[in-house]
Each structure stands twice: as structure tokens, then as C-alpha cells.
Amino acid sequence: MMDKLHIRKDDTVVVISGNSKGTVGKVIATSPEEGKVIVAGANMVSKHTKARRQGETSGIVKTEGALYASKVQLVCPKCKVGRRFKVEITLDGDKKKKTRRCVKCGAEM
């Protein structure tokens, strides 16, 4: 679906649509091939687990499900709200440096 995502692992994001709308959490994992992310505390699903070894318990476990990356928005550290961001490229000697900035206030993310 997508080759790259605008969200990375350990980013703080807010869910902007769906049943978990408004939930703020940290990104646990990303899947660029599917265009999905897993956010802590958002899109909780029930999984039925079976005991595989003696002593293990079986039952229903609540865990985070994957969301499409288009349903989440990066949280600005200064505004404390979900915002769009832009990527600025600066030249630092021979190297190019990319920084993500909030569109509204200009804070670096």
C-alpha cells in the first residue's frame, strides 16, 4: 500500500477517527507495507488464546489492534494537540538534515 509512513515508532499520536477517536498514545510498532501502526491503548481488540503448555492459562485477552496510519496525527510537544507537520531540510556541512516541525507553531517534533 505505502512505502513509507509519516509516523515512526515511539512517536506520540492522537487517533482522529474511529471508535478510539481522541485517544492519545505512543506508537508501539509500524508496518509500512500495510500502511498501519499500533498505538498503545487505542483500538483494543479481544483475542481468544489457547493454553499451549501445561500451566499456561487460556482465555480472552485484550490487546491493541492495528490502525491505518491515516487515522492518526502526530502530537505537537508545544501545542499538546494533534497537528500536521512539515519536513525541513537543512544543510549541515556536506550532510542534509531533516527535521519535523509543527505547521502551526513551528516547534520541532
Protein backbone atom coordinates (compact mmCIF):
# COMPACT_ATOMS: atom_id res chain seq x y z
CA MET A 1 0.00 0.00 0.00
CA MET A 2 2.52 2.63 1.15
CA ASP A 3 6.29 2.52 1.07
CA LYS A 4 6.85 4.93 3.94
CA LEU A 5 4.86 6.41 6.79
CA HIS A 6 4.70 9.86 8.32
CA ILE A 7 4.68 8.24 11.78
CA ARG A 8 7.62 6.48 13.43
CA LYS A 9 7.96 4.14 16.39
CA ASP A 10 7.87 5.92 19.82
CA ASP A 11 6.02 8.98 18.40
CA THR A 12 3.14 10.35 20.46
CA VAL A 13 0.00 10.41 18.34
CA VAL A 14 -3.73 11.10 18.65
CA VAL A 15 -6.40 8.99 16.93
CA ILE A 16 -8.53 11.28 14.73
CA SER A 17 -11.27 8.87 13.57
CA GLY A 18 -12.99 5.64 14.50
CA ASN A 19 -14.13 4.17 17.82
CA SER A 20 -10.88 5.21 19.56
CA LYS A 21 -11.17 8.85 18.42
CA GLY A 22 -9.36 11.23 20.77
CA THR A 23 -7.11 8.57 22.30
CA VAL A 24 -3.53 9.77 22.81
CA GLY A 25 -0.81 7.14 22.94
CA LYS A 26 2.66 6.11 21.93
CA VAL A 27 3.30 4.17 18.72
CA ILE A 28 4.38 0.63 19.62
CA ALA A 29 5.02 -0.67 16.10
CA THR A 30 4.68 0.36 12.46
CA SER A 31 4.03 -1.64 9.31
CA PRO A 32 4.91 0.41 6.20
CA GLU A 33 3.95 -2.43 3.84
CA GLU A 34 0.35 -2.36 5.12
CA GLY A 35 0.30 1.34 5.99
CA LYS A 36 -0.66 0.57 9.59
CA VAL A 37 0.50 1.46 13.11
CA ILE A 38 -0.18 0.03 16.57
CA VAL A 39 -0.91 2.66 19.24
CA ALA A 40 -0.80 1.90 22.97
CA GLY A 41 -4.29 2.00 24.48
CA ALA A 42 -6.13 2.52 21.17
CA ASN A 43 -8.26 0.09 19.11
CA MET A 44 -8.46 -2.57 21.84
CA VAL A 45 -9.49 -5.97 20.48
CA SER A 46 -10.28 -9.27 22.20
CA LYS A 47 -8.15 -12.27 21.29
CA HIS A 48 -9.02 -15.82 22.26
CA THR A 49 -5.90 -17.65 23.43
CA LYS A 50 -5.44 -21.35 23.94
CA ALA A 51 -3.09 -22.84 26.53
CA ARG A 52 -0.16 -24.32 24.63
CA ARG A 53 1.73 -25.82 27.59
CA GLN A 54 0.78 -27.22 30.93
CA GLY A 55 0.44 -24.40 33.46
CA GLU A 56 -0.48 -21.74 30.87
CA THR A 57 -3.90 -20.19 31.11
CA SER A 58 -6.31 -19.86 28.24
CA GLY A 59 -8.99 -17.23 27.88
CA ILE A 60 -9.84 -13.91 26.30
CA VAL A 61 -7.06 -11.29 26.26
CA LYS A 62 -7.45 -7.58 25.43
CA THR A 63 -4.70 -6.23 23.18
CA GLU A 64 -4.07 -3.34 20.80
CA GLY A 65 -5.08 -3.78 17.18
CA ALA A 66 -3.54 -2.13 14.13
CA LEU A 67 -4.86 1.19 12.77
CA TYR A 68 -4.33 2.76 9.38
CA ALA A 69 -1.65 5.46 9.64
CA SER A 70 -4.01 7.98 8.03
CA LYS A 71 -6.23 7.74 11.13
CA VAL A 72 -3.56 9.10 13.48
CA GLN A 73 -1.93 12.51 13.79
CA LEU A 74 1.34 13.49 15.42
CA VAL A 75 1.02 15.43 18.72
CA CYS A 76 2.98 18.70 18.88
CA PRO A 77 5.07 18.89 22.10
CA LYS A 78 4.44 22.63 22.42
CA CYS A 79 0.74 22.85 21.43
CA LYS A 80 -0.15 19.49 23.10
CA VAL A 81 -2.66 18.91 20.25
CA GLY A 82 -2.64 16.72 17.14
CA ARG A 83 -1.15 18.76 14.31
CA ARG A 84 0.13 18.42 10.79
CA PHE A 85 3.85 18.83 10.38
CA LYS A 86 6.31 19.73 7.68
CA VAL A 87 9.76 18.34 6.96
CA GLU A 88 12.53 20.93 6.71
CA ILE A 89 15.81 20.03 5.08
CA THR A 90 18.85 21.95 6.27
CA LEU A 91 22.43 21.66 5.06
CA ASP A 92 24.91 20.88 7.81
CA GLY A 93 28.24 20.91 6.01
CA ASP A 94 28.09 18.06 3.49
CA LYS A 95 25.12 16.33 5.11
CA LYS A 96 21.43 17.06 4.73
CA LYS A 97 19.49 17.09 7.99
CA LYS A 98 15.72 16.52 8.09
CA THR A 99 13.65 17.93 10.95
CA ARG A 100 9.91 17.68 11.54
CA ARG A 101 8.23 20.94 12.53
CA CYS A 102 4.69 21.79 13.61
CA VAL A 103 2.83 23.71 10.89
CA LYS A 104 1.04 25.95 13.41
CA CYS A 105 3.72 26.93 15.98
CA GLY A 106 6.98 25.77 14.34
CA ALA A 107 8.13 23.60 17.27
CA GLU A 108 10.47 20.75 16.40
CA MET A 109 8.98 17.28 16.83
